[in-house]
Amino acid sequence: MYEEYIRENKIADKSEDEKNLELIVSIIKTKNELNSAQKNFEFAEEGLIDYYSYQIKANQTKLDYLMKKAQKKGIVLDMINEIYIRKNKA
């Protein structure tokens, strides 16, 4: 009844730089989604106020998580200019 699936090709591991870039892109995307939800909340009608408030909370929680993850990896982001700065590890 159950079929067994075998992976034919091994998924290539990403380099550390690729992982860092993916994390940075996720942070910037989440920040943009948060800003969009905040702007939409300001102009929301009765029925959408709850929706946008949940969206704001979810995006803020996700952004906090991603920023902590970036901090653990030694990644510093200038969130105003949205640039990536690698910390020197001594």
C-alpha atoms as a PDB file:
ATOM      1  CA  MET A   1       0.000   0.000   0.000  1.00  0.00           C
ATOM      2  CA  TYR A   2       2.801   2.432   0.817  1.00  0.00           C
ATOM      3  CA  GLU A   3       5.425   3.108  -1.801  1.00  0.00           C
ATOM      4  CA  GLU A   4       8.993   3.782  -0.902  1.00  0.00           C
ATOM      5  CA  TYR A   5      10.613   6.730  -2.594  1.00  0.00           C
ATOM      6  CA  ILE A   6      14.321   6.756  -3.123  1.00  0.00           C
ATOM      7  CA  ARG A   7      16.169   9.976  -3.680  1.00  0.00           C
ATOM      8  CA  GLU A   8      18.225   9.582  -6.816  1.00  0.00           C
ATOM      9  CA  ASN A   9      20.353  12.676  -6.538  1.00  0.00           C
ATOM     10  CA  LYS A  10      21.984  13.888  -3.389  1.00  0.00           C
ATOM     11  CA  ILE A  11      21.033  17.447  -2.592  1.00  0.00           C
ATOM     12  CA  ALA A  12      24.156  19.589  -2.692  1.00  0.00           C
ATOM     13  CA  ASP A  13      25.027  21.216   0.569  1.00  0.00           C
ATOM     14  CA  LYS A  14      25.042  24.982   0.535  1.00  0.00           C
ATOM     15  CA  SER A  15      28.180  26.869   1.376  1.00  0.00           C
ATOM     16  CA  GLU A  16      28.259  29.031   4.478  1.00  0.00           C
ATOM     17  CA  ASP A  17      28.153  32.187   2.332  1.00  0.00           C
ATOM     18  CA  GLU A  18      25.057  30.909   0.510  1.00  0.00           C
ATOM     19  CA  LYS A  19      23.354  30.183   3.836  1.00  0.00           C
ATOM     20  CA  ASN A  20      24.258  33.646   5.122  1.00  0.00           C
ATOM     21  CA  LEU A  21      22.947  35.299   1.965  1.00  0.00           C
ATOM     22  CA  GLU A  22      19.710  33.329   2.226  1.00  0.00           C
ATOM     23  CA  LEU A  23      19.338  34.453   5.849  1.00  0.00           C
ATOM     24  CA  ILE A  24      19.932  38.090   4.901  1.00  0.00           C
ATOM     25  CA  VAL A  25      17.395  37.912   2.078  1.00  0.00           C
ATOM     26  CA  SER A  26      14.855  36.391   4.498  1.00  0.00           C
ATOM     27  CA  ILE A  27      15.465  39.191   7.003  1.00  0.00           C
ATOM     28  CA  ILE A  28      15.010  41.909   4.399  1.00  0.00           C
ATOM     29  CA  LYS A  29      11.897  40.239   2.974  1.00  0.00           C
ATOM     30  CA  THR A  30      10.377  39.829   6.447  1.00  0.00           C
ATOM     31  CA  LYS A  31      11.159  43.460   7.295  1.00  0.00           C
ATOM     32  CA  ASN A  32       9.406  44.589   4.109  1.00  0.00           C
ATOM     33  CA  GLU A  33       6.386  42.386   4.894  1.00  0.00           C
ATOM     34  CA  LEU A  34       6.256  43.852   8.414  1.00  0.00           C
ATOM     35  CA  ASN A  35       6.363  47.416   7.083  1.00  0.00           C
ATOM     36  CA  SER A  36       3.638  46.599   4.571  1.00  0.00           C
ATOM     37  CA  ALA A  37       1.409  45.065   7.258  1.00  0.00           C
ATOM     38  CA  GLN A  38       1.922  48.116   9.489  1.00  0.00           C
ATOM     39  CA  LYS A  39       0.938  50.491   6.667  1.00  0.00           C
ATOM     40  CA  ASN A  40      -2.094  48.360   5.788  1.00  0.00           C
ATOM     41  CA  PHE A  41      -3.118  48.293   9.459  1.00  0.00           C
ATOM     42  CA  GLU A  42      -3.212  52.096   9.537  1.00  0.00           C
ATOM     43  CA  PHE A  43      -5.833  52.153   6.774  1.00  0.00           C
ATOM     44  CA  ALA A  44      -7.663  48.920   7.580  1.00  0.00           C
ATOM     45  CA  GLU A  45     -11.412  48.787   7.915  1.00  0.00           C
ATOM     46  CA  GLU A  46     -13.174  46.959  10.733  1.00  0.00           C
ATOM     47  CA  GLY A  47     -12.986  43.480   9.262  1.00  0.00           C
ATOM     48  CA  LEU A  48      -9.253  43.578   8.529  1.00  0.00           C
ATOM     49  CA  ILE A  49      -7.885  45.113  11.725  1.00  0.00           C
ATOM     50  CA  ASP A  50      -7.449  41.726  13.403  1.00  0.00           C
ATOM     51  CA  TYR A  51      -5.915  40.258  10.258  1.00  0.00           C
ATOM     52  CA  TYR A  52      -3.239  42.946  10.007  1.00  0.00           C
ATOM     53  CA  SER A  53      -2.524  42.913  13.737  1.00  0.00           C
ATOM     54  CA  TYR A  54      -1.865  39.150  13.546  1.00  0.00           C
ATOM     55  CA  GLN A  55       0.268  39.677  10.466  1.00  0.00           C
ATOM     56  CA  ILE A  56       2.300  42.331  12.288  1.00  0.00           C
ATOM     57  CA  LYS A  57       2.805  40.064  15.289  1.00  0.00           C
ATOM     58  CA  ALA A  58       3.805  37.086  13.113  1.00  0.00           C
ATOM     59  CA  ASN A  59       6.273  39.110  11.054  1.00  0.00           C
ATOM     60  CA  GLN A  60       7.774  40.740  14.154  1.00  0.00           C
ATOM     61  CA  THR A  61       8.271  37.328  15.777  1.00  0.00           C
ATOM     62  CA  LYS A  62       9.845  35.951  12.591  1.00  0.00           C
ATOM     63  CA  LEU A  63      12.116  38.995  12.274  1.00  0.00           C
ATOM     64  CA  ASP A  64      13.240  38.646  15.903  1.00  0.00           C
ATOM     65  CA  TYR A  65      14.058  34.968  15.321  1.00  0.00           C
ATOM     66  CA  LEU A  66      16.002  35.661  12.127  1.00  0.00           C
ATOM     67  CA  MET A  67      17.932  38.529  13.737  1.00  0.00           C
ATOM     68  CA  LYS A  68      18.937  36.297  16.678  1.00  0.00           C
ATOM     69  CA  LYS A  69      20.051  33.632  14.222  1.00  0.00           C
ATOM     70  CA  ALA A  70      22.104  36.196  12.290  1.00  0.00           C
ATOM     71  CA  GLN A  71      23.631  37.507  15.512  1.00  0.00           C
ATOM     72  CA  LYS A  72      24.720  33.993  16.513  1.00  0.00           C
ATOM     73  CA  LYS A  73      26.448  33.633  13.142  1.00  0.00           C
ATOM     74  CA  GLY A  74      28.231  36.957  13.605  1.00  0.00           C
ATOM     75  CA  ILE A  75      26.269  38.718  10.890  1.00  0.00           C
ATOM     76  CA  VAL A  76      25.602  42.405  11.389  1.00  0.00           C
ATOM     77  CA  LEU A  77      22.906  44.100   9.352  1.00  0.00           C
ATOM     78  CA  ASP A  78      22.432  47.812   8.909  1.00  0.00           C
ATOM     79  CA  MET A  79      18.633  47.647   8.770  1.00  0.00           C
ATOM     80  CA  ILE A  80      18.297  51.257   7.651  1.00  0.00           C
ATOM     81  CA  ASN A  81      20.463  50.839   4.559  1.00  0.00           C
ATOM     82  CA  GLU A  82      19.860  47.069   4.342  1.00  0.00           C
ATOM     83  CA  ILE A  83      23.513  46.182   3.930  1.00  0.00           C
ATOM     84  CA  TYR A  84      25.400  43.176   5.226  1.00  0.00           C
ATOM     85  CA  ILE A  85      28.532  43.556   7.296  1.00  0.00           C
ATOM     86  CA  ARG A  86      30.587  40.548   8.323  1.00  0.00           C
ATOM     87  CA  LYS A  87      31.928  40.792  11.861  1.00  0.00           C
ATOM     88  CA  ASN A  88      35.580  40.005  12.302  1.00  0.00           C
ATOM     89  CA  LYS A  89      35.956  37.041  14.588  1.00  0.00           C
ATOM     90  CA  ALA A  90      39.029  37.311  16.762  1.00  0.00           C
END
